[in-house]
Amino acid sequence: MGLTGKHLFGSIDDTRVTFVEKKVDGNRKEFLKKLLEHNGFEVLIQEEKRPSEEEPQLYTVGVTDMVFNPTIWVFQRKLKTFDGRKVTQDYWNQQTEDTHPQYWNNGGN
């Protein structure tokens, strides 16, 4: 799902949530859960229905804060890493642990 800009909400186990990401694997689920809880959010996880037992288990990750929008929080640099740095788009997407403040790479230093 990634950062889409849309504010998606619904319910997990009869609790209203803002959906953070849907259909993520176990590794991504754990990363998001730990990062969001570190930033003070209550995180709810729901297992997706699998078409067959051979398919990998996927998850939906949501938070109980109904005004939370992952795209806004990442680009406004409101989320913090575990060591206090600001979360960037690439960090959020687990592409790098580098949190340099630019969201683009123009080939320069």
PDB file of N, CA and C in Angstrom:
ATOM      1  N   MET A   1       0.837  -1.183   0.000  1.00  0.00           N
ATOM      2  CA  MET A   1       0.000   0.000   0.000  1.00  0.00           C
ATOM      3  C   MET A   1       0.876   1.237   0.000  1.00  0.00           C
ATOM      4  N   GLY A   2       1.852   1.333   0.900  1.00  0.00           N
ATOM      5  CA  GLY A   2       2.763   2.460   0.902  1.00  0.00           C
ATOM      6  C   GLY A   2       2.093   3.785   1.218  1.00  0.00           C
ATOM      7  N   LEU A   3       2.805   4.855   0.939  1.00  0.00           N
ATOM      8  CA  LEU A   3       2.284   6.199   1.193  1.00  0.00           C
ATOM      9  C   LEU A   3       1.465   6.660  -0.012  1.00  0.00           C
ATOM     10  N   THR A   4       0.159   6.742   0.169  1.00  0.00           N
ATOM     11  CA  THR A   4      -0.721   7.082  -0.944  1.00  0.00           C
ATOM     12  C   THR A   4      -1.295   8.486  -0.842  1.00  0.00           C
ATOM     13  N   GLY A   5      -1.289   9.058   0.351  1.00  0.00           N
ATOM     14  CA  GLY A   5      -1.888  10.373   0.547  1.00  0.00           C
ATOM     15  C   GLY A   5      -3.344  10.299   0.949  1.00  0.00           C
ATOM     16  N   LYS A   6      -3.992   9.164   0.686  1.00  0.00           N
ATOM     17  CA  LYS A   6      -5.393   9.014   1.040  1.00  0.00           C
ATOM     18  C   LYS A   6      -5.525   8.622   2.502  1.00  0.00           C
ATOM     19  N   HIS A   7      -6.556   9.133   3.137  1.00  0.00           N
ATOM     20  CA  HIS A   7      -6.861   8.794   4.523  1.00  0.00           C
ATOM     21  C   HIS A   7      -7.886   7.672   4.503  1.00  0.00           C
ATOM     22  N   LEU A   8      -7.422   6.451   4.748  1.00  0.00           N
ATOM     23  CA  LEU A   8      -8.298   5.289   4.700  1.00  0.00           C
ATOM     24  C   LEU A   8      -8.636   4.845   6.108  1.00  0.00           C
ATOM     25  N   PHE A   9      -9.902   4.629   6.364  1.00  0.00           N
ATOM     26  CA  PHE A   9     -10.309   4.213   7.704  1.00  0.00           C
ATOM     27  C   PHE A   9     -11.394   3.162   7.616  1.00  0.00           C
ATOM     28  N   GLY A  10     -11.558   2.450   8.708  1.00  0.00           N
ATOM     29  CA  GLY A  10     -12.541   1.381   8.803  1.00  0.00           C
ATOM     30  C   GLY A  10     -12.494   0.800  10.197  1.00  0.00           C
ATOM     31  N   SER A  11     -12.634  -0.514  10.308  1.00  0.00           N
ATOM     32  CA  SER A  11     -12.659  -1.161  11.620  1.00  0.00           C
ATOM     33  C   SER A  11     -11.780  -2.397  11.637  1.00  0.00           C
ATOM     34  N   ILE A  12     -11.164  -2.618  12.785  1.00  0.00           N
ATOM     35  CA  ILE A  12     -10.482  -3.873  13.089  1.00  0.00           C
ATOM     36  C   ILE A  12     -11.045  -4.334  14.431  1.00  0.00           C
ATOM     37  N   ASP A  13     -11.633  -5.524  14.437  1.00  0.00           N
ATOM     38  CA  ASP A  13     -12.223  -6.080  15.663  1.00  0.00           C
ATOM     39  C   ASP A  13     -13.153  -5.089  16.363  1.00  0.00           C
ATOM     40  N   ASP A  14     -14.070  -4.514  15.641  1.00  0.00           N
ATOM     41  CA  ASP A  14     -15.074  -3.581  16.170  1.00  0.00           C
ATOM     42  C   ASP A  14     -14.486  -2.273  16.701  1.00  0.00           C
ATOM     43  N   THR A  15     -13.233  -1.975  16.399  1.00  0.00           N
ATOM     44  CA  THR A  15     -12.616  -0.711  16.799  1.00  0.00           C
ATOM     45  C   THR A  15     -12.337   0.109  15.546  1.00  0.00           C
ATOM     46  N   ARG A  16     -12.774   1.358  15.550  1.00  0.00           N
ATOM     47  CA  ARG A  16     -12.517   2.238  14.410  1.00  0.00           C
ATOM     48  C   ARG A  16     -11.028   2.536  14.342  1.00  0.00           C
ATOM     49  N   VAL A  17     -10.468   2.451  13.130  1.00  0.00           N
ATOM     50  CA  VAL A  17      -9.039   2.679  12.940  1.00  0.00           C
ATOM     51  C   VAL A  17      -8.793   3.459  11.660  1.00  0.00           C
ATOM     52  N   THR A  18      -7.632   4.084  11.618  1.00  0.00           N
ATOM     53  CA  THR A  18      -7.075   4.576  10.371  1.00  0.00           C
ATOM     54  C   THR A  18      -6.168   3.467   9.860  1.00  0.00           C
ATOM     55  N   PHE A  19      -6.389   3.024   8.635  1.00  0.00           N
ATOM     56  CA  PHE A  19      -5.531   1.998   8.068  1.00  0.00           C
ATOM     57  C   PHE A  19      -4.184   2.606   7.698  1.00  0.00           C
ATOM     58  N   VAL A  20      -3.132   1.956   8.128  1.00  0.00           N
ATOM     59  CA  VAL A  20      -1.782   2.400   7.807  1.00  0.00           C
ATOM     60  C   VAL A  20      -1.332   1.714   6.527  1.00  0.00           C
ATOM     61  N   GLU A  21      -1.403   0.392   6.503  1.00  0.00           N
ATOM     62  CA  GLU A  21      -1.106  -0.389   5.299  1.00  0.00           C
ATOM     63  C   GLU A  21      -1.895  -1.681   5.350  1.00  0.00           C
ATOM     64  N   LYS A  22      -2.265  -2.168   4.166  1.00  0.00           N
ATOM     65  CA  LYS A  22      -2.998  -3.418   4.044  1.00  0.00           C
ATOM     66  C   LYS A  22      -2.166  -4.411   3.252  1.00  0.00           C
ATOM     67  N   LYS A  23      -2.411  -5.692   3.516  1.00  0.00           N
ATOM     68  CA  LYS A  23      -1.779  -6.794   2.800  1.00  0.00           C
ATOM     69  C   LYS A  23      -0.258  -6.726   2.858  1.00  0.00           C
ATOM     70  N   VAL A  24       0.267  -6.576   4.083  1.00  0.00           N
ATOM     71  CA  VAL A  24       1.715  -6.553   4.287  1.00  0.00           C
ATOM     72  C   VAL A  24       2.158  -7.884   4.883  1.00  0.00           C
ATOM     73  N   ASP A  25       3.428  -8.233   4.661  1.00  0.00           N
ATOM     74  CA  ASP A  25       3.942  -9.480   5.217  1.00  0.00           C
ATOM     75  C   ASP A  25       4.302  -9.292   6.691  1.00  0.00           C
ATOM     76  N   GLY A  26       4.704 -10.378   7.329  1.00  0.00           N
ATOM     77  CA  GLY A  26       4.994 -10.351   8.760  1.00  0.00           C
ATOM     78  C   GLY A  26       6.119  -9.407   9.137  1.00  0.00           C
ATOM     79  N   ASN A  27       7.157  -9.320   8.321  1.00  0.00           N
ATOM     80  CA  ASN A  27       8.280  -8.433   8.593  1.00  0.00           C
ATOM     81  C   ASN A  27       7.831  -6.969   8.573  1.00  0.00           C
ATOM     82  N   ARG A  28       7.078  -6.602   7.552  1.00  0.00           N
ATOM     83  CA  ARG A  28       6.580  -5.223   7.431  1.00  0.00           C
ATOM     84  C   ARG A  28       5.625  -4.890   8.579  1.00  0.00           C
ATOM     85  N   LYS A  29       4.778  -5.849   8.922  1.00  0.00           N
ATOM     86  CA  LYS A  29       3.835  -5.669  10.031  1.00  0.00           C
ATOM     87  C   LYS A  29       4.584  -5.336  11.317  1.00  0.00           C
ATOM     88  N   GLU A  30       5.632  -6.102  11.619  1.00  0.00           N
ATOM     89  CA  GLU A  30       6.402  -5.880  12.844  1.00  0.00           C
ATOM     90  C   GLU A  30       7.120  -4.536  12.821  1.00  0.00           C
ATOM     91  N   PHE A  31       7.698  -4.167  11.673  1.00  0.00           N
ATOM     92  CA  PHE A  31       8.375  -2.879  11.548  1.00  0.00           C
ATOM     93  C   PHE A  31       7.405  -1.734  11.835  1.00  0.00           C
ATOM     94  N   LEU A  32       6.239  -1.750  11.169  1.00  0.00           N
ATOM     95  CA  LEU A  32       5.256  -0.680  11.353  1.00  0.00           C
ATOM     96  C   LEU A  32       4.732  -0.648  12.782  1.00  0.00           C
ATOM     97  N   LYS A  33       4.450  -1.815  13.343  1.00  0.00           N
ATOM     98  CA  LYS A  33       3.920  -1.881  14.711  1.00  0.00           C
ATOM     99  C   LYS A  33       4.905  -1.256  15.691  1.00  0.00           C
ATOM    100  N   LYS A  34       6.162  -1.658  15.614  1.00  0.00           N
ATOM    101  CA  LYS A  34       7.179  -1.133  16.534  1.00  0.00           C
ATOM    102  C   LYS A  34       7.385   0.367  16.340  1.00  0.00           C
ATOM    103  N   LEU A  35       7.470   0.803  15.081  1.00  0.00           N
ATOM    104  CA  LEU A  35       7.702   2.226  14.802  1.00  0.00           C
ATOM    105  C   LEU A  35       6.534   3.084  15.290  1.00  0.00           C
ATOM    106  N   LEU A  36       5.325   2.654  15.005  1.00  0.00           N
ATOM    107  CA  LEU A  36       4.150   3.444  15.397  1.00  0.00           C
ATOM    108  C   LEU A  36       3.946   3.439  16.908  1.00  0.00           C
ATOM    109  N   GLU A  37       4.161   2.306  17.555  1.00  0.00           N
ATOM    110  CA  GLU A  37       4.043   2.276  19.017  1.00  0.00           C
ATOM    111  C   GLU A  37       5.116   3.146  19.659  1.00  0.00           C
ATOM    112  N   HIS A  38       6.310   3.149  19.084  1.00  0.00           N
ATOM    113  CA  HIS A  38       7.388   4.013  19.573  1.00  0.00           C
ATOM    114  C   HIS A  38       6.972   5.487  19.505  1.00  0.00           C
ATOM    115  N   ASN A  39       6.137   5.836  18.518  1.00  0.00           N
ATOM    116  CA  ASN A  39       5.665   7.198  18.346  1.00  0.00           C
ATOM    117  C   ASN A  39       4.345   7.467  19.058  1.00  0.00           C
ATOM    118  N   GLY A  40       3.933   6.555  19.919  1.00  0.00           N
ATOM    119  CA  GLY A  40       2.779   6.794  20.787  1.00  0.00           C
ATOM    120  C   GLY A  40       1.428   6.377  20.258  1.00  0.00           C
ATOM    121  N   PHE A  41       1.393   5.616  19.174  1.00  0.00           N
ATOM    122  CA  PHE A  41       0.117   5.189  18.611  1.00  0.00           C
ATOM    123  C   PHE A  41      -0.275   3.812  19.137  1.00  0.00           C
ATOM    124  N   GLU A  42      -1.579   3.608  19.309  1.00  0.00           N
ATOM    125  CA  GLU A  42      -2.093   2.282  19.611  1.00  0.00           C
ATOM    126  C   GLU A  42      -2.317   1.578  18.281  1.00  0.00           C
ATOM    127  N   VAL A  43      -1.646   0.458  18.082  1.00  0.00           N
ATOM    128  CA  VAL A  43      -1.659  -0.255  16.807  1.00  0.00           C
ATOM    129  C   VAL A  43      -2.523  -1.506  16.926  1.00  0.00           C
ATOM    130  N   LEU A  44      -3.372  -1.721  15.922  1.00  0.00           N
ATOM    131  CA  LEU A  44      -4.169  -2.942  15.837  1.00  0.00           C
ATOM    132  C   LEU A  44      -3.787  -3.671  14.557  1.00  0.00           C
ATOM    133  N   ILE A  45      -3.706  -4.990  14.651  1.00  0.00           N
ATOM    134  CA  ILE A  45      -3.317  -5.836  13.522  1.00  0.00           C
ATOM    135  C   ILE A  45      -4.449  -6.806  13.228  1.00  0.00           C
ATOM    136  N   GLN A  46      -4.715  -7.007  11.943  1.00  0.00           N
ATOM    137  CA  GLN A  46      -5.726  -7.989  11.544  1.00  0.00           C
ATOM    138  C   GLN A  46      -5.117  -8.895  10.473  1.00  0.00           C
ATOM    139  N   GLU A  47      -5.294 -10.191  10.638  1.00  0.00           N
ATOM    140  CA  GLU A  47      -4.843 -11.133   9.621  1.00  0.00           C
ATOM    141  C   GLU A  47      -5.789 -11.077   8.431  1.00  0.00           C
ATOM    142  N   GLU A  48      -5.222 -11.047   7.234  1.00  0.00           N
ATOM    143  CA  GLU A  48      -6.022 -11.103   6.009  1.00  0.00           C
ATOM    144  C   GLU A  48      -6.431 -12.554   5.773  1.00  0.00           C
ATOM    145  N   LYS A  49      -7.569 -12.741   5.135  1.00  0.00           N
ATOM    146  CA  LYS A  49      -7.988 -14.093   4.785  1.00  0.00           C
ATOM    147  C   LYS A  49      -7.101 -14.597   3.643  1.00  0.00           C
ATOM    148  N   ARG A  50      -6.642 -15.847   3.794  1.00  0.00           N
ATOM    149  CA  ARG A  50      -5.800 -16.441   2.759  1.00  0.00           C
ATOM    150  C   ARG A  50      -6.651 -17.301   1.835  1.00  0.00           C
ATOM    151  N   PRO A  51      -6.425 -17.195   0.511  1.00  0.00           N
ATOM    152  CA  PRO A  51      -7.178 -18.035  -0.426  1.00  0.00           C
ATOM    153  C   PRO A  51      -6.887 -19.521  -0.230  1.00  0.00           C
ATOM    154  N   SER A  52      -5.650 -19.824   0.201  1.00  0.00           N
ATOM    155  CA  SER A  52      -5.281 -21.215   0.460  1.00  0.00           C
ATOM    156  C   SER A  52      -4.181 -21.244   1.508  1.00  0.00           C
ATOM    157  N   GLU A  53      -3.964 -22.405   2.093  1.00  0.00           N
ATOM    158  CA  GLU A  53      -2.935 -22.553   3.125  1.00  0.00           C
ATOM    159  C   GLU A  53      -1.533 -22.332   2.560  1.00  0.00           C
ATOM    160  N   GLU A  54      -1.360 -22.500   1.262  1.00  0.00           N
ATOM    161  CA  GLU A  54      -0.046 -22.326   0.636  1.00  0.00           C
ATOM    162  C   GLU A  54       0.348 -20.851   0.509  1.00  0.00           C
ATOM    163  N   GLU A  55      -0.634 -19.980   0.489  1.00  0.00           N
ATOM    164  CA  GLU A  55      -0.378 -18.540   0.362  1.00  0.00           C
ATOM    165  C   GLU A  55       0.227 -18.009   1.655  1.00  0.00           C
ATOM    166  N   PRO A  56       1.148 -17.022   1.557  1.00  0.00           N
ATOM    167  CA  PRO A  56       1.706 -16.437   2.784  1.00  0.00           C
ATOM    168  C   PRO A  56       0.652 -15.639   3.546  1.00  0.00           C
ATOM    169  N   GLN A  57       0.799 -15.591   4.867  1.00  0.00           N
ATOM    170  CA  GLN A  57      -0.127 -14.811   5.691  1.00  0.00           C
ATOM    171  C   GLN A  57       0.186 -13.332   5.521  1.00  0.00           C
ATOM    172  N   LEU A  58      -0.838 -12.547   5.224  1.00  0.00           N
ATOM    173  CA  LEU A  58      -0.695 -11.091   5.100  1.00  0.00           C
ATOM    174  C   LEU A  58      -1.538 -10.433   6.190  1.00  0.00           C
ATOM    175  N   TYR A  59      -1.232  -9.156   6.452  1.00  0.00           N
ATOM    176  CA  TYR A  59      -1.849  -8.448   7.566  1.00  0.00           C
ATOM    177  C   TYR A  59      -2.287  -7.043   7.160  1.00  0.00           C
ATOM    178  N   THR A  60      -3.255  -6.524   7.907  1.00  0.00           N
ATOM    179  CA  THR A  60      -3.644  -5.121   7.829  1.00  0.00           C
ATOM    180  C   THR A  60      -3.205  -4.468   9.129  1.00  0.00           C
ATOM    181  N   VAL A  61      -2.559  -3.307   9.002  1.00  0.00           N
ATOM    182  CA  VAL A  61      -2.069  -2.561  10.157  1.00  0.00           C
ATOM    183  C   VAL A  61      -2.884  -1.276  10.258  1.00  0.00           C
ATOM    184  N   GLY A  62      -3.408  -1.005  11.446  1.00  0.00           N
ATOM    185  CA  GLY A  62      -4.175   0.215  11.671  1.00  0.00           C
ATOM    186  C   GLY A  62      -3.822   0.830  13.010  1.00  0.00           C
ATOM    187  N   VAL A  63      -4.168   2.106  13.174  1.00  0.00           N
ATOM    188  CA  VAL A  63      -3.987   2.799  14.456  1.00  0.00           C
ATOM    189  C   VAL A  63      -5.338   3.358  14.885  1.00  0.00           C
ATOM    190  N   THR A  64      -5.507   3.505  16.193  1.00  0.00           N
ATOM    191  CA  THR A  64      -6.787   3.978  16.714  1.00  0.00           C
ATOM    192  C   THR A  64      -6.947   5.492  16.610  1.00  0.00           C
ATOM    193  N   ASP A  65      -5.903   6.211  16.249  1.00  0.00           N
ATOM    194  CA  ASP A  65      -5.972   7.664  16.057  1.00  0.00           C
ATOM    195  C   ASP A  65      -6.620   7.931  14.696  1.00  0.00           C
ATOM    196  N   MET A  66      -7.855   8.417  14.721  1.00  0.00           N
ATOM    197  CA  MET A  66      -8.620   8.572  13.491  1.00  0.00           C
ATOM    198  C   MET A  66      -8.152   9.733  12.608  1.00  0.00           C
ATOM    199  N   VAL A  67      -7.314  10.615  13.107  1.00  0.00           N
ATOM    200  CA  VAL A  67      -6.821  11.710  12.263  1.00  0.00           C
ATOM    201  C   VAL A  67      -5.420  11.437  11.735  1.00  0.00           C
ATOM    202  N   PHE A  68      -4.820  10.312  12.111  1.00  0.00           N
ATOM    203  CA  PHE A  68      -3.482   9.973  11.636  1.00  0.00           C
ATOM    204  C   PHE A  68      -3.515   9.660  10.146  1.00  0.00           C
ATOM    205  N   ASN A  69      -2.618  10.303   9.405  1.00  0.00           N
ATOM    206  CA  ASN A  69      -2.427  10.019   7.987  1.00  0.00           C
ATOM    207  C   ASN A  69      -0.934   9.768   7.795  1.00  0.00           C
ATOM    208  N   PRO A  70      -0.523   8.541   7.457  1.00  0.00           N
ATOM    209  CA  PRO A  70       0.903   8.233   7.360  1.00  0.00           C
ATOM    210  C   PRO A  70       1.669   9.157   6.424  1.00  0.00           C
ATOM    211  N   THR A  71       1.085   9.513   5.289  1.00  0.00           N
ATOM    212  CA  THR A  71       1.777  10.371   4.334  1.00  0.00           C
ATOM    213  C   THR A  71       2.081  11.730   4.940  1.00  0.00           C
ATOM    214  N   ILE A  72       1.117  12.325   5.596  1.00  0.00           N
ATOM    215  CA  ILE A  72       1.315  13.641   6.207  1.00  0.00           C
ATOM    216  C   ILE A  72       2.359  13.556   7.315  1.00  0.00           C
ATOM    217  N   TRP A  73       2.264  12.547   8.155  1.00  0.00           N
ATOM    218  CA  TRP A  73       3.209  12.429   9.266  1.00  0.00           C
ATOM    219  C   TRP A  73       4.633  12.193   8.775  1.00  0.00           C
ATOM    220  N   VAL A  74       4.811  11.428   7.697  1.00  0.00           N
ATOM    221  CA  VAL A  74       6.162  11.190   7.175  1.00  0.00           C
ATOM    222  C   VAL A  74       6.704  12.453   6.526  1.00  0.00           C
ATOM    223  N   PHE A  75       5.935  13.096   5.647  1.00  0.00           N
ATOM    224  CA  PHE A  75       6.453  14.252   4.931  1.00  0.00           C
ATOM    225  C   PHE A  75       6.557  15.502   5.801  1.00  0.00           C
ATOM    226  N   GLN A  76       5.774  15.579   6.863  1.00  0.00           N
ATOM    227  CA  GLN A  76       5.947  16.686   7.812  1.00  0.00           C
ATOM    228  C   GLN A  76       6.979  16.339   8.870  1.00  0.00           C
ATOM    229  N   ARG A  77       7.566  15.153   8.751  1.00  0.00           N
ATOM    230  CA  ARG A  77       8.660  14.693   9.608  1.00  0.00           C
ATOM    231  C   ARG A  77       8.281  14.689  11.081  1.00  0.00           C
ATOM    232  N   LYS A  78       7.063  14.204  11.363  1.00  0.00           N
ATOM    233  CA  LYS A  78       6.566  14.127  12.734  1.00  0.00           C
ATOM    234  C   LYS A  78       6.923  12.815  13.414  1.00  0.00           C
ATOM    235  N   LEU A  79       7.234  11.770  12.640  1.00  0.00           N
ATOM    236  CA  LEU A  79       7.576  10.475  13.219  1.00  0.00           C
ATOM    237  C   LEU A  79       9.063  10.415  13.524  1.00  0.00           C
ATOM    238  N   LYS A  80       9.403   9.746  14.611  1.00  0.00           N
ATOM    239  CA  LYS A  80      10.800   9.608  15.038  1.00  0.00           C
ATOM    240  C   LYS A  80      11.231   8.150  14.943  1.00  0.00           C
ATOM    241  N   THR A  81      12.500   7.951  14.571  1.00  0.00           N
ATOM    242  CA  THR A  81      13.082   6.615  14.572  1.00  0.00           C
ATOM    243  C   THR A  81      13.341   6.211  16.020  1.00  0.00           C
ATOM    244  N   PHE A  82      13.817   5.011  16.225  1.00  0.00           N
ATOM    245  CA  PHE A  82      14.063   4.508  17.569  1.00  0.00           C
ATOM    246  C   PHE A  82      15.209   5.243  18.255  1.00  0.00           C
ATOM    247  N   ASP A  83      16.080   5.863  17.469  1.00  0.00           N
ATOM    248  CA  ASP A  83      17.185   6.629  18.057  1.00  0.00           C
ATOM    249  C   ASP A  83      16.970   8.133  17.954  1.00  0.00           C
ATOM    250  N   GLY A  84      15.731   8.568  17.676  1.00  0.00           N
ATOM    251  CA  GLY A  84      15.383   9.983  17.743  1.00  0.00           C
ATOM    252  C   GLY A  84      15.514  10.771  16.457  1.00  0.00           C
ATOM    253  N   ARG A  85      15.924  10.141  15.370  1.00  0.00           N
ATOM    254  CA  ARG A  85      15.989  10.850  14.088  1.00  0.00           C
ATOM    255  C   ARG A  85      14.597  10.926  13.471  1.00  0.00           C
ATOM    256  N   LYS A  86      14.428  11.795  12.498  1.00  0.00           N
ATOM    257  CA  LYS A  86      13.132  11.943  11.840  1.00  0.00           C
ATOM    258  C   LYS A  86      12.987  10.918  10.721  1.00  0.00           C
ATOM    259  N   VAL A  87      11.810  10.321  10.645  1.00  0.00           N
ATOM    260  CA  VAL A  87      11.520   9.297   9.640  1.00  0.00           C
ATOM    261  C   VAL A  87      11.342   9.950   8.282  1.00  0.00           C
ATOM    262  N   THR A  88      12.033   9.415   7.274  1.00  0.00           N
ATOM    263  CA  THR A  88      11.874   9.865   5.887  1.00  0.00           C
ATOM    264  C   THR A  88      11.058   8.830   5.116  1.00  0.00           C
ATOM    265  N   GLN A  89      10.704   9.174   3.899  1.00  0.00           N
ATOM    266  CA  GLN A  89       9.942   8.252   3.065  1.00  0.00           C
ATOM    267  C   GLN A  89      10.707   6.948   2.842  1.00  0.00           C
ATOM    268  N   ASP A  90      11.991   7.025   2.547  1.00  0.00           N
ATOM    269  CA  ASP A  90      12.772   5.810   2.317  1.00  0.00           C
ATOM    270  C   ASP A  90      12.901   4.966   3.590  1.00  0.00           C
ATOM    271  N   TYR A  91      13.023   5.619   4.731  1.00  0.00           N
ATOM    272  CA  TYR A  91      13.062   4.877   5.998  1.00  0.00           C
ATOM    273  C   TYR A  91      11.717   4.177   6.210  1.00  0.00           C
ATOM    274  N   TRP A  92      10.625   4.901   6.008  1.00  0.00           N
ATOM    275  CA  TRP A  92       9.278   4.346   6.161  1.00  0.00           C
ATOM    276  C   TRP A  92       9.102   3.119   5.266  1.00  0.00           C
ATOM    277  N   ASN A  93       9.599   3.206   4.039  1.00  0.00           N
ATOM    278  CA  ASN A  93       9.464   2.113   3.080  1.00  0.00           C
ATOM    279  C   ASN A  93      10.514   1.027   3.269  1.00  0.00           C
ATOM    280  N   GLN A  94      11.319   1.143   4.296  1.00  0.00           N
ATOM    281  CA  GLN A  94      12.371   0.183   4.638  1.00  0.00           C
ATOM    282  C   GLN A  94      13.378   0.006   3.502  1.00  0.00           C
ATOM    283  N   GLN A  95      13.657   1.100   2.787  1.00  0.00           N
ATOM    284  CA  GLN A  95      14.641   1.069   1.709  1.00  0.00           C
ATOM    285  C   GLN A  95      16.025   1.455   2.214  1.00  0.00           C
ATOM    286  N   THR A  96      16.078   2.185   3.328  1.00  0.00           N
ATOM    287  CA  THR A  96      17.344   2.605   3.897  1.00  0.00           C
ATOM    288  C   THR A  96      17.135   2.966   5.356  1.00  0.00           C
ATOM    289  N   GLU A  97      18.233   2.986   6.102  1.00  0.00           N
ATOM    290  CA  GLU A  97      18.180   3.482   7.478  1.00  0.00           C
ATOM    291  C   GLU A  97      18.673   4.918   7.532  1.00  0.00           C
ATOM    292  N   ASP A  98      19.112   5.440   6.379  1.00  0.00           N
ATOM    293  CA  ASP A  98      19.572   6.818   6.291  1.00  0.00           C
ATOM    294  C   ASP A  98      18.363   7.746   6.389  1.00  0.00           C
ATOM    295  N   THR A  99      18.478   8.773   7.226  1.00  0.00           N
ATOM    296  CA  THR A  99      17.355   9.713   7.394  1.00  0.00           C
ATOM    297  C   THR A  99      17.762  11.118   6.984  1.00  0.00           C
ATOM    298  N   HIS A 100      18.607  11.216   5.971  1.00  0.00           N
ATOM    299  CA  HIS A 100      18.993  12.529   5.441  1.00  0.00           C
ATOM    300  C   HIS A 100      17.720  13.282   5.085  1.00  0.00           C
ATOM    301  N   PRO A 101      17.667  14.584   5.296  1.00  0.00           N
ATOM    302  CA  PRO A 101      16.390  15.297   5.201  1.00  0.00           C
ATOM    303  C   PRO A 101      15.768  15.423   3.807  1.00  0.00           C
ATOM    304  N   GLN A 102      16.505  15.195   2.746  1.00  0.00           N
ATOM    305  CA  GLN A 102      15.895  15.338   1.418  1.00  0.00           C
ATOM    306  C   GLN A 102      15.091  14.093   1.069  1.00  0.00           C
ATOM    307  N   TYR A 103      14.007  14.298   0.334  1.00  0.00           N
ATOM    308  CA  TYR A 103      13.160  13.194  -0.101  1.00  0.00           C
ATOM    309  C   TYR A 103      13.526  12.754  -1.504  1.00  0.00           C
ATOM    310  N   TRP A 104      14.534  13.340  -2.077  1.00  0.00           N
ATOM    311  CA  TRP A 104      14.904  13.049  -3.448  1.00  0.00           C
ATOM    312  C   TRP A 104      16.398  12.776  -3.485  1.00  0.00           C
ATOM    313  N   ASN A 105      16.835  12.174  -4.563  1.00  0.00           N
ATOM    314  CA  ASN A 105      18.253  11.931  -4.779  1.00  0.00           C
ATOM    315  C   ASN A 105      18.599  12.502  -6.132  1.00  0.00           C
ATOM    316  N   ASN A 106      19.310  13.628  -6.146  1.00  0.00           N
ATOM    317  CA  ASN A 106      19.657  14.269  -7.397  1.00  0.00           C
ATOM    318  C   ASN A 106      21.073  13.921  -7.846  1.00  0.00           C
ATOM    319  N   GLY A 107      21.660  12.905  -7.240  1.00  0.00           N
ATOM    320  CA  GLY A 107      22.984  12.457  -7.627  1.00  0.00           C
ATOM    321  C   GLY A 107      24.102  13.222  -6.951  1.00  0.00           C
ATOM    322  N   GLY A 108      23.790  14.229  -6.183  1.00  0.00           N
ATOM    323  CA  GLY A 108      24.797  15.008  -5.473  1.00  0.00           C
ATOM    324  C   GLY A 108      25.089  14.420  -4.105  1.00  0.00           C
ATOM    325  N   ASN A 109      25.970  15.061  -3.388  1.00  0.00           N
ATOM    326  CA  ASN A 109      26.315  14.586  -2.054  1.00  0.00           C
ATOM    327  C   ASN A 109      25.366  15.089  -1.020  1.00  0.00           C
TER     328      ASN A 109
END
